[in-house]
Amino acid sequence: MIDDIPPVVPAGRMSRTAQPVFALASGVELRPWHEGDAQVLADSCLDPRIRQWNRPGLLSPADARARISRWGHRWRREEGAVWAIAEPGGGRPVGLIGLGDLDLRGGGAEFLYWLLPAGRGRGVMVDATVRIGRWALEDLGLYRLRITHSVANPASCRVAGKAGFPLEGTMRGALLHADGWHDEHLHARIRGDAWPAGR
C-alpha cells in the first residue's frame, strides 16, 4: 500500500499570517486591496488593454468592494492571494498582481496581473512578479508557479521571460477572449530555478 503524499505546503501556513506588504525597487509597493480602492478597481474594468487580456467584466463600486472583500476571505481560506500594485505609503493602485488557482497541497499556483496606464513602462510588473514569485516559492513553500497568456500578448511574454519564467510550450485554443479562442503560452518555474541576475 502506498502512503498518502503529504501536502507540499501544510494547511494554515497562509491563514496564520497577515498578507505581507513589499516595497519594490521600481518605486511601488505591493499591499492588500482596501475598500477605499474600489473606485480604482471599478475603473480598471474600462481600460481597453485590461479588458482585452483579463476578462474582468464590468464592476460598479459596490461590486468592486465586494470583490475586494472576497480577496480577503480567499487569503484567510488559503485559496488565493491578490495584491494592489500601489504608489508607496498606501497610495493609489496602479495595477494588480496575484496568485490564483492556488493549491497548497499540490504546491502550485498561477499568476494573474494587469497594469493601469499610470503603472506601465516602469518595469513594475517584472519586479512585482519576481517578488511574489520569491515569496510563493521561498517563504510560503510552493513548488511550481506558472504564467499563461495569449500568444497575441507580447507584453506578458516579455514580463514572464524577464522575471525568470521560461516558455514551456503553447496550449492550443486554451482561453476564450472577446474576439474568439486564443492559443496560450505557458511559462513556469519551479523552486530552485535560478532567478534572473540582479533580481
Protein backbone atom coordinates (compact mmCIF):
# COMPACT_ATOMS: atom_id res chain seq x y z
CA MET A 1 0.00 0.00 0.00
CA ILE A 2 1.29 3.46 -0.94
CA ASP A 3 1.25 6.06 1.82
CA ASP A 4 -0.59 9.31 1.14
CA ILE A 5 1.60 12.02 -0.29
CA PRO A 6 1.91 14.79 2.32
CA PRO A 7 0.89 18.32 1.34
CA VAL A 8 3.63 20.45 -0.18
CA VAL A 9 2.50 23.37 2.00
CA PRO A 10 0.76 22.46 5.27
CA ALA A 11 -2.72 23.88 5.77
CA GLY A 12 -2.68 27.03 7.90
CA ARG A 13 0.66 28.40 6.76
CA MET A 14 -1.01 31.30 4.91
CA SER A 15 -4.01 31.90 7.12
CA ARG A 16 -1.95 32.18 10.30
CA THR A 17 -0.15 35.26 8.94
CA ALA A 18 -1.21 38.65 7.66
CA GLN A 19 -0.80 39.25 3.95
CA PRO A 20 2.68 40.81 3.58
CA VAL A 21 3.47 44.21 2.12
CA PHE A 22 6.52 44.55 -0.14
CA ALA A 23 8.42 47.67 -1.25
CA LEU A 24 9.88 47.32 -4.75
CA ALA A 25 12.94 48.92 -6.32
CA SER A 26 10.75 50.24 -9.14
CA GLY A 27 9.17 52.64 -6.63
CA VAL A 28 5.85 50.96 -5.84
CA GLU A 29 4.61 48.74 -3.05
CA LEU A 30 2.57 45.56 -3.08
CA ARG A 31 -0.17 45.63 -0.47
CA PRO A 32 -3.61 44.14 0.13
CA TRP A 33 -6.51 45.87 -1.59
CA HIS A 34 -8.61 48.10 0.67
CA GLU A 35 -12.26 49.07 0.47
CA GLY A 36 -11.14 52.59 -0.44
CA ASP A 37 -9.59 51.21 -3.65
CA ALA A 38 -12.99 50.16 -5.00
CA GLN A 39 -13.33 53.01 -7.50
CA VAL A 40 -9.90 52.28 -8.98
CA LEU A 41 -10.82 48.62 -9.35
CA ALA A 42 -14.15 49.51 -10.98
CA ASP A 43 -12.42 51.94 -13.35
CA SER A 44 -9.80 49.34 -14.30
CA CYS A 45 -12.52 47.26 -15.94
CA LEU A 46 -12.96 50.04 -18.51
CA ASP A 47 -9.31 50.08 -19.61
CA PRO A 48 -9.13 48.60 -23.14
CA ARG A 49 -5.91 46.64 -22.59
CA ILE A 50 -7.07 45.19 -19.29
CA ARG A 51 -10.40 44.21 -20.87
CA GLN A 52 -8.65 42.66 -23.85
CA TRP A 53 -6.41 40.28 -21.91
CA ASN A 54 -8.01 39.78 -18.49
CA ARG A 55 -11.79 39.44 -19.00
CA PRO A 56 -12.60 41.43 -15.83
CA GLY A 57 -16.28 42.08 -16.55
CA LEU A 58 -17.81 45.39 -15.54
CA LEU A 59 -17.91 46.33 -11.86
CA SER A 60 -19.83 49.02 -10.03
CA PRO A 61 -18.06 50.49 -7.00
CA ALA A 62 -20.27 48.26 -4.81
CA ASP A 63 -19.30 45.21 -6.89
CA ALA A 64 -15.64 46.20 -6.55
CA ARG A 65 -15.94 46.50 -2.76
CA ALA A 66 -17.48 43.02 -2.66
CA ARG A 67 -14.67 41.62 -4.81
CA ILE A 68 -12.02 43.20 -2.56
CA SER A 69 -13.76 41.66 0.45
CA ARG A 70 -13.74 38.25 -1.27
CA TRP A 71 -9.99 38.57 -1.86
CA GLY A 72 -9.51 38.99 1.89
CA HIS A 73 -11.63 35.91 2.53
CA ARG A 74 -9.70 33.93 -0.07
CA TRP A 75 -6.44 34.71 1.74
CA ARG A 76 -7.89 33.51 5.04
CA ARG A 77 -9.23 30.35 3.35
CA GLU A 78 -5.86 29.85 1.59
CA GLU A 79 -7.50 29.90 -1.84
CA GLY A 80 -5.77 32.91 -3.40
CA ALA A 81 -3.55 35.91 -2.83
CA VAL A 82 -4.10 39.25 -4.55
CA TRP A 83 -2.10 42.45 -4.09
CA ALA A 84 -2.58 46.01 -5.22
CA ILE A 85 0.46 47.43 -7.01
CA ALA A 86 0.29 50.89 -5.47
CA GLU A 87 2.16 54.10 -5.03
CA PRO A 88 4.13 53.98 -1.74
CA GLY A 89 2.62 54.79 1.63
CA GLY A 90 -0.83 53.39 0.94
CA GLY A 91 -1.17 55.35 -2.30
CA ARG A 92 -3.44 54.79 -5.26
CA PRO A 93 -3.24 51.40 -7.01
CA VAL A 94 -1.72 51.33 -10.49
CA GLY A 95 -2.14 47.59 -11.00
CA LEU A 96 -2.87 44.17 -9.61
CA ILE A 97 -0.83 41.02 -9.12
CA GLY A 98 -1.84 37.80 -7.50
CA LEU A 99 -1.86 34.04 -7.41
CA GLY A 100 -4.97 32.20 -8.47
CA ASP A 101 -5.72 28.50 -8.75
CA LEU A 102 -3.74 28.24 -5.51
CA ASP A 103 -3.17 24.62 -4.47
CA LEU A 104 -1.17 24.42 -1.25
CA ARG A 105 -1.49 20.65 -1.06
CA GLY A 106 -0.24 20.19 -4.62
CA GLY A 107 2.30 23.01 -4.38
CA GLY A 108 1.26 25.17 -7.33
CA ALA A 109 -0.41 28.41 -8.39
CA GLU A 110 -0.92 30.61 -11.44
CA PHE A 111 -0.11 34.32 -11.72
CA LEU A 112 -2.67 36.93 -12.63
CA TYR A 113 -1.73 40.54 -13.27
CA TRP A 114 -2.54 43.80 -15.02
CA LEU A 115 -1.39 47.42 -15.01
CA LEU A 116 -3.23 50.68 -15.49
CA PRO A 117 -1.60 53.26 -17.79
CA ALA A 118 -0.03 55.03 -14.76
CA GLY A 119 1.94 51.87 -13.94
CA ARG A 120 3.13 50.95 -17.43
CA GLY A 121 6.61 51.41 -18.83
CA ARG A 122 8.41 51.46 -15.44
CA GLY A 123 9.46 47.84 -15.08
CA VAL A 124 6.92 47.47 -12.30
CA MET A 125 5.37 44.18 -13.40
CA VAL A 126 8.67 42.35 -13.75
CA ASP A 127 9.70 43.47 -10.25
CA ALA A 128 6.30 42.52 -8.83
CA THR A 129 6.32 39.09 -10.50
CA VAL A 130 9.78 38.31 -9.15
CA ARG A 131 8.84 39.48 -5.63
CA ILE A 132 5.62 37.50 -5.45
CA GLY A 133 7.37 34.53 -7.03
CA ARG A 134 10.09 34.60 -4.38
CA TRP A 135 7.51 34.88 -1.61
CA ALA A 136 5.45 31.99 -3.01
CA LEU A 137 8.38 29.62 -3.59
CA GLU A 138 10.80 30.55 -0.83
CA ASP A 139 8.59 31.78 2.01
CA LEU A 140 5.23 30.07 1.50
CA GLY A 141 6.85 26.91 0.14
CA LEU A 142 5.07 26.26 -3.17
CA TYR A 143 6.96 24.18 -5.71
CA ARG A 144 5.75 25.36 -9.14
CA LEU A 145 4.36 28.67 -10.44
CA ARG A 146 3.00 29.30 -13.90
CA ILE A 147 2.10 32.24 -16.11
CA THR A 148 -0.25 31.83 -19.07
CA HIS A 149 -1.14 34.48 -21.63
CA SER A 150 -2.47 34.80 -25.14
CA VAL A 151 0.17 34.33 -27.83
CA ALA A 152 -1.09 37.68 -29.17
CA ASN A 153 0.03 39.44 -25.97
CA PRO A 154 3.79 40.03 -26.34
CA ALA A 155 3.93 42.33 -23.29
CA SER A 156 3.02 39.46 -20.94
CA CYS A 157 5.51 37.24 -22.74
CA ARG A 158 8.28 39.78 -22.05
CA VAL A 159 7.29 40.06 -18.39
CA ALA A 160 7.40 36.29 -17.96
CA GLY A 161 10.80 35.98 -19.62
CA LYS A 162 12.40 38.86 -17.75
CA ALA A 163 11.00 37.57 -14.44
CA GLY A 164 12.62 34.16 -14.96
CA PHE A 165 9.66 32.11 -16.17
CA PRO A 166 10.85 30.24 -19.28
CA LEU A 167 8.42 29.33 -22.02
CA GLU A 168 7.37 25.69 -21.74
CA GLY A 169 5.00 25.49 -24.69
CA THR A 170 1.80 26.60 -26.38
CA MET A 171 -1.65 25.45 -25.33
CA ARG A 172 -3.98 25.42 -28.34
CA GLY A 173 -7.35 27.17 -28.04
CA ALA A 174 -6.90 27.45 -24.29
CA LEU A 175 -8.82 30.63 -23.43
CA LEU A 176 -11.87 32.37 -24.84
CA HIS A 177 -11.45 36.12 -25.31
CA ALA A 178 -13.96 38.60 -26.71
CA ASP A 179 -12.61 38.01 -30.23
CA GLY A 180 -12.59 34.21 -30.01
CA TRP A 181 -10.41 31.36 -28.76
CA HIS A 182 -6.73 32.14 -28.23
CA ASP A 183 -3.73 29.88 -28.10
CA GLU A 184 -1.90 30.48 -24.83
CA HIS A 185 1.77 30.44 -23.94
CA LEU A 186 2.67 28.53 -20.78
CA HIS A 187 5.63 29.81 -18.76
CA ALA A 188 6.69 28.26 -15.45
CA ARG A 189 9.41 27.99 -12.87
CA ILE A 190 9.97 25.57 -10.05
CA ARG A 191 11.57 26.00 -6.66
CA GLY A 192 15.35 26.07 -7.04
CA ASP A 193 15.43 27.60 -10.52
CA ALA A 194 17.92 30.47 -10.67
CA TRP A 195 16.41 33.94 -10.57
CA PRO A 196 17.42 36.48 -13.22
CA ALA A 197 20.68 38.27 -12.44
CA GLY A 198 20.17 41.30 -10.22
CA ARG A 199 16.69 40.22 -9.07
